[in-house]
Every structure is written in structure tokens, then in C-alpha cells.
N, C-alpha and C. Protein backbone atom coordinates (compact mmCIF):
# COMPACT_ATOMS: atom_id res chain seq x y z
N MET A 1 -14.41 7.88 -7.38
CA MET A 1 -13.09 7.37 -7.08
C MET A 1 -13.20 5.96 -6.49
N ALA A 2 -12.50 5.02 -7.04
CA ALA A 2 -12.54 3.67 -6.56
C ALA A 2 -11.79 3.53 -5.22
N GLU A 3 -12.18 2.53 -4.44
CA GLU A 3 -11.54 2.29 -3.12
C GLU A 3 -10.03 2.16 -3.28
N THR A 4 -9.57 1.45 -4.27
CA THR A 4 -8.13 1.27 -4.46
C THR A 4 -7.44 2.60 -4.75
N ASP A 5 -8.09 3.50 -5.46
CA ASP A 5 -7.57 4.81 -5.72
C ASP A 5 -7.47 5.66 -4.42
N ILE A 6 -8.50 5.52 -3.63
CA ILE A 6 -8.51 6.26 -2.32
C ILE A 6 -7.37 5.76 -1.45
N LEU A 7 -7.24 4.45 -1.36
CA LEU A 7 -6.20 3.87 -0.56
C LEU A 7 -4.77 4.28 -1.03
N ALA A 8 -4.62 4.33 -2.39
CA ALA A 8 -3.37 4.75 -2.95
C ALA A 8 -3.09 6.21 -2.61
N ARG A 9 -4.14 7.08 -2.61
CA ARG A 9 -4.02 8.50 -2.26
C ARG A 9 -3.64 8.59 -0.79
N ILE A 10 -4.26 7.82 0.04
CA ILE A 10 -3.91 7.85 1.49
C ILE A 10 -2.45 7.49 1.69
N GLN A 11 -2.00 6.44 1.01
CA GLN A 11 -0.59 6.02 1.11
C GLN A 11 0.36 7.17 0.62
N HIS A 12 -0.02 7.81 -0.44
CA HIS A 12 0.80 8.92 -0.92
C HIS A 12 0.87 10.10 0.09
N LEU A 13 -0.26 10.43 0.66
CA LEU A 13 -0.30 11.47 1.65
C LEU A 13 0.46 11.14 2.93
N VAL A 14 0.42 9.96 3.34
CA VAL A 14 1.19 9.47 4.49
C VAL A 14 2.67 9.62 4.20
N GLU A 15 3.04 9.26 3.01
CA GLU A 15 4.47 9.43 2.62
C GLU A 15 4.87 10.89 2.59
N ASP A 16 3.97 11.78 2.06
CA ASP A 16 4.21 13.18 2.07
C ASP A 16 4.45 13.72 3.52
N GLU A 17 3.62 13.18 4.38
CA GLU A 17 3.72 13.58 5.80
C GLU A 17 5.11 13.21 6.39
N ARG A 18 5.53 12.01 6.09
CA ARG A 18 6.83 11.51 6.58
C ARG A 18 7.93 12.36 5.97
N GLN A 19 7.89 12.68 4.70
CA GLN A 19 8.90 13.48 4.05
C GLN A 19 8.98 14.90 4.65
N LEU A 20 7.83 15.45 4.97
CA LEU A 20 7.84 16.81 5.57
C LEU A 20 8.58 16.74 6.92
N ARG A 21 8.32 15.72 7.69
CA ARG A 21 8.98 15.62 9.02
C ARG A 21 10.47 15.37 8.80
N ASP A 22 10.85 14.58 7.84
CA ASP A 22 12.26 14.34 7.56
C ASP A 22 12.93 15.63 7.08
N ARG A 23 12.27 16.46 6.28
CA ARG A 23 12.84 17.64 5.75
C ARG A 23 13.02 18.70 6.94
N LEU A 24 12.09 18.69 7.85
CA LEU A 24 12.18 19.56 9.01
C LEU A 24 13.40 19.19 9.82
N GLN A 25 13.55 17.90 10.10
CA GLN A 25 14.69 17.40 10.85
C GLN A 25 16.05 17.67 10.21
N ALA A 26 16.03 17.69 8.87
CA ALA A 26 17.25 17.95 8.12
C ALA A 26 17.54 19.42 7.97
N GLY A 27 16.62 20.28 8.44
CA GLY A 27 16.74 21.73 8.38
C GLY A 27 16.46 22.31 7.02
N GLU A 28 15.76 21.55 6.17
CA GLU A 28 15.43 21.99 4.82
C GLU A 28 14.20 22.93 4.75
N ILE A 29 13.37 22.80 5.76
CA ILE A 29 12.19 23.70 5.86
C ILE A 29 12.01 24.16 7.25
N SER A 30 11.32 25.27 7.45
CA SER A 30 11.09 25.79 8.77
C SER A 30 9.94 25.13 9.41
N THR A 31 9.85 25.24 10.75
CA THR A 31 8.71 24.70 11.52
C THR A 31 7.39 25.25 11.02
N ASP A 32 7.35 26.55 10.71
CA ASP A 32 6.14 27.13 10.21
C ASP A 32 5.69 26.53 8.89
N GLU A 33 6.66 26.34 8.02
CA GLU A 33 6.34 25.77 6.71
C GLU A 33 5.85 24.32 6.84
N GLU A 34 6.54 23.59 7.74
CA GLU A 34 6.15 22.17 7.99
C GLU A 34 4.73 22.11 8.52
N GLN A 35 4.42 22.95 9.50
CA GLN A 35 3.12 22.94 10.11
C GLN A 35 2.02 23.33 9.10
N ALA A 36 2.27 24.28 8.28
CA ALA A 36 1.25 24.69 7.28
C ALA A 36 1.04 23.58 6.28
N ARG A 37 2.07 22.96 5.85
CA ARG A 37 1.96 21.91 4.82
C ARG A 37 1.39 20.66 5.47
N LEU A 38 1.74 20.37 6.73
CA LEU A 38 1.16 19.23 7.44
C LEU A 38 -0.33 19.37 7.63
N ARG A 39 -0.77 20.57 7.90
CA ARG A 39 -2.19 20.83 8.04
C ARG A 39 -2.92 20.54 6.79
N SER A 40 -2.41 20.91 5.66
CA SER A 40 -3.00 20.61 4.37
C SER A 40 -3.06 19.11 4.12
N VAL A 41 -1.97 18.42 4.39
CA VAL A 41 -1.94 16.99 4.16
C VAL A 41 -2.97 16.27 5.10
N GLU A 42 -3.02 16.72 6.37
CA GLU A 42 -3.95 16.10 7.33
C GLU A 42 -5.43 16.36 6.87
N GLU A 43 -5.70 17.51 6.37
CA GLU A 43 -7.06 17.79 5.86
C GLU A 43 -7.43 16.85 4.69
N GLN A 44 -6.45 16.68 3.80
CA GLN A 44 -6.69 15.79 2.65
C GLN A 44 -6.84 14.36 3.08
N LEU A 45 -6.06 13.96 4.10
CA LEU A 45 -6.19 12.58 4.64
C LEU A 45 -7.58 12.37 5.25
N ASP A 46 -8.04 13.41 6.01
CA ASP A 46 -9.37 13.29 6.61
C ASP A 46 -10.45 13.15 5.58
N GLN A 47 -10.33 13.91 4.45
CA GLN A 47 -11.26 13.78 3.35
C GLN A 47 -11.26 12.40 2.74
N CYS A 48 -10.07 11.84 2.55
CA CYS A 48 -9.94 10.53 1.97
C CYS A 48 -10.55 9.49 2.87
N TRP A 49 -10.24 9.54 4.18
CA TRP A 49 -10.83 8.54 5.11
C TRP A 49 -12.35 8.67 5.15
N ASP A 50 -12.87 9.92 5.13
CA ASP A 50 -14.30 10.13 5.10
C ASP A 50 -14.95 9.50 3.88
N LEU A 51 -14.35 9.70 2.71
CA LEU A 51 -14.86 9.18 1.51
C LEU A 51 -14.81 7.63 1.50
N LEU A 52 -13.73 7.09 2.06
CA LEU A 52 -13.65 5.59 2.14
C LEU A 52 -14.77 5.08 3.06
N ARG A 53 -14.99 5.76 4.16
CA ARG A 53 -16.07 5.30 5.12
C ARG A 53 -17.43 5.42 4.40
N GLN A 54 -17.65 6.50 3.65
CA GLN A 54 -18.89 6.64 2.92
C GLN A 54 -19.12 5.50 1.94
N ARG A 55 -18.05 5.17 1.20
CA ARG A 55 -18.18 4.13 0.21
C ARG A 55 -18.50 2.79 0.89
N ARG A 56 -17.82 2.47 1.94
CA ARG A 56 -18.06 1.23 2.64
C ARG A 56 -19.43 1.18 3.27
N ALA A 57 -19.90 2.27 3.84
CA ALA A 57 -21.22 2.31 4.39
C ALA A 57 -22.33 2.11 3.29
N ARG A 58 -22.11 2.77 2.21
CA ARG A 58 -23.07 2.58 1.09
C ARG A 58 -23.08 1.13 0.59
N ALA A 59 -21.93 0.55 0.48
CA ALA A 59 -21.84 -0.83 0.01
C ALA A 59 -22.58 -1.78 1.00
N GLU A 60 -22.32 -1.55 2.31
CA GLU A 60 -22.99 -2.39 3.32
C GLU A 60 -24.51 -2.21 3.34
N ALA A 61 -24.93 -1.04 2.93
CA ALA A 61 -26.37 -0.78 2.89
C ALA A 61 -27.03 -1.20 1.55
N GLY A 62 -26.22 -1.81 0.63
CA GLY A 62 -26.74 -2.25 -0.61
C GLY A 62 -26.85 -1.12 -1.62
N GLN A 63 -26.20 0.02 -1.35
CA GLN A 63 -26.24 1.14 -2.30
C GLN A 63 -24.95 1.17 -3.11
N ASP A 64 -24.96 1.98 -4.11
CA ASP A 64 -23.81 2.07 -5.00
C ASP A 64 -22.70 2.91 -4.34
N PRO A 65 -21.56 2.30 -4.05
CA PRO A 65 -20.47 3.05 -3.42
C PRO A 65 -19.89 4.16 -4.28
N ASP A 66 -20.07 4.02 -5.61
CA ASP A 66 -19.58 5.04 -6.53
C ASP A 66 -20.33 6.36 -6.43
N GLU A 67 -21.46 6.35 -5.76
CA GLU A 67 -22.24 7.57 -5.58
C GLU A 67 -21.76 8.40 -4.40
N ALA A 68 -20.80 7.87 -3.60
CA ALA A 68 -20.16 8.64 -2.50
C ALA A 68 -19.34 9.76 -3.08
N THR A 69 -19.41 10.87 -2.48
CA THR A 69 -18.65 12.04 -2.93
C THR A 69 -17.86 12.66 -1.84
N PRO A 70 -16.67 13.26 -2.21
CA PRO A 70 -15.88 13.86 -1.18
C PRO A 70 -16.63 15.09 -0.58
N ARG A 71 -16.52 15.22 0.69
CA ARG A 71 -17.09 16.33 1.43
C ARG A 71 -16.07 17.43 1.54
N PRO A 72 -16.57 18.69 1.66
CA PRO A 72 -15.65 19.79 1.83
C PRO A 72 -14.80 19.65 3.11
N VAL A 73 -13.63 20.20 3.10
CA VAL A 73 -12.70 20.16 4.23
C VAL A 73 -13.40 20.66 5.49
N ASP A 74 -14.05 21.82 5.38
CA ASP A 74 -14.64 22.43 6.59
C ASP A 74 -15.72 21.48 7.15
N GLU A 75 -16.44 20.77 6.34
CA GLU A 75 -17.45 19.82 6.89
C GLU A 75 -16.75 18.62 7.56
N VAL A 76 -15.78 18.04 6.92
CA VAL A 76 -15.08 16.88 7.50
C VAL A 76 -14.36 17.25 8.76
N GLU A 77 -13.74 18.42 8.83
CA GLU A 77 -12.97 18.82 9.98
C GLU A 77 -13.88 19.15 11.17
N LYS A 78 -15.09 19.48 10.96
CA LYS A 78 -16.02 19.79 12.06
C LYS A 78 -16.54 18.57 12.75
N TYR A 79 -16.28 17.35 12.18
CA TYR A 79 -16.70 16.10 12.83
C TYR A 79 -16.00 15.93 14.15
N LEU A 80 -14.83 16.43 14.26
CA LEU A 80 -14.00 16.23 15.51
C LEU A 80 -14.42 17.21 16.59
N GLN A 81 -15.19 18.19 16.29
CA GLN A 81 -15.53 19.21 17.32
C GLN A 81 -16.79 18.86 18.05
């Protein structure tokens, strides 16, 4: 996935996040539904940011950034612990 594609995906996910919050405020979805869906969006965002960091690190090291691969959610989420 090219860097521009990753950035576009991040932008899309951020918009999804905003829409979920708006829908909650409008009473269109429950707090539980919002929280579950937000968790999924946040996990996907973390994966995208991780992939972007991998690509940039590979490029800085003179390696092929296209060889960076998305890591599983459980691996990316454990970075914060």
C-alpha cells in the first residue's frame, strides 16, 4: 500500500470517527454501539499509523518501503502497554 493510500485511509477513518460521534449526539445510535464501532475504527487507525511509520523507517534506512506490511491488531495494540 502506497503512502498516499495509507493517508487517504487514515483520513477516511477519522471521518468515520467524527460521524459516529455525531450520530451518537443525534440519538441515532446507542453509546454501546458507538463505543464498539469506535474501538474498531481506532484499531484500524493504529494499524495505518504503524504501517506508515514502518514505510518511512524503511525508506530512511535505504530499504524498500513497499516491503512494509500491516501488523495484526493485537500486535499493534500491545505497543501501548
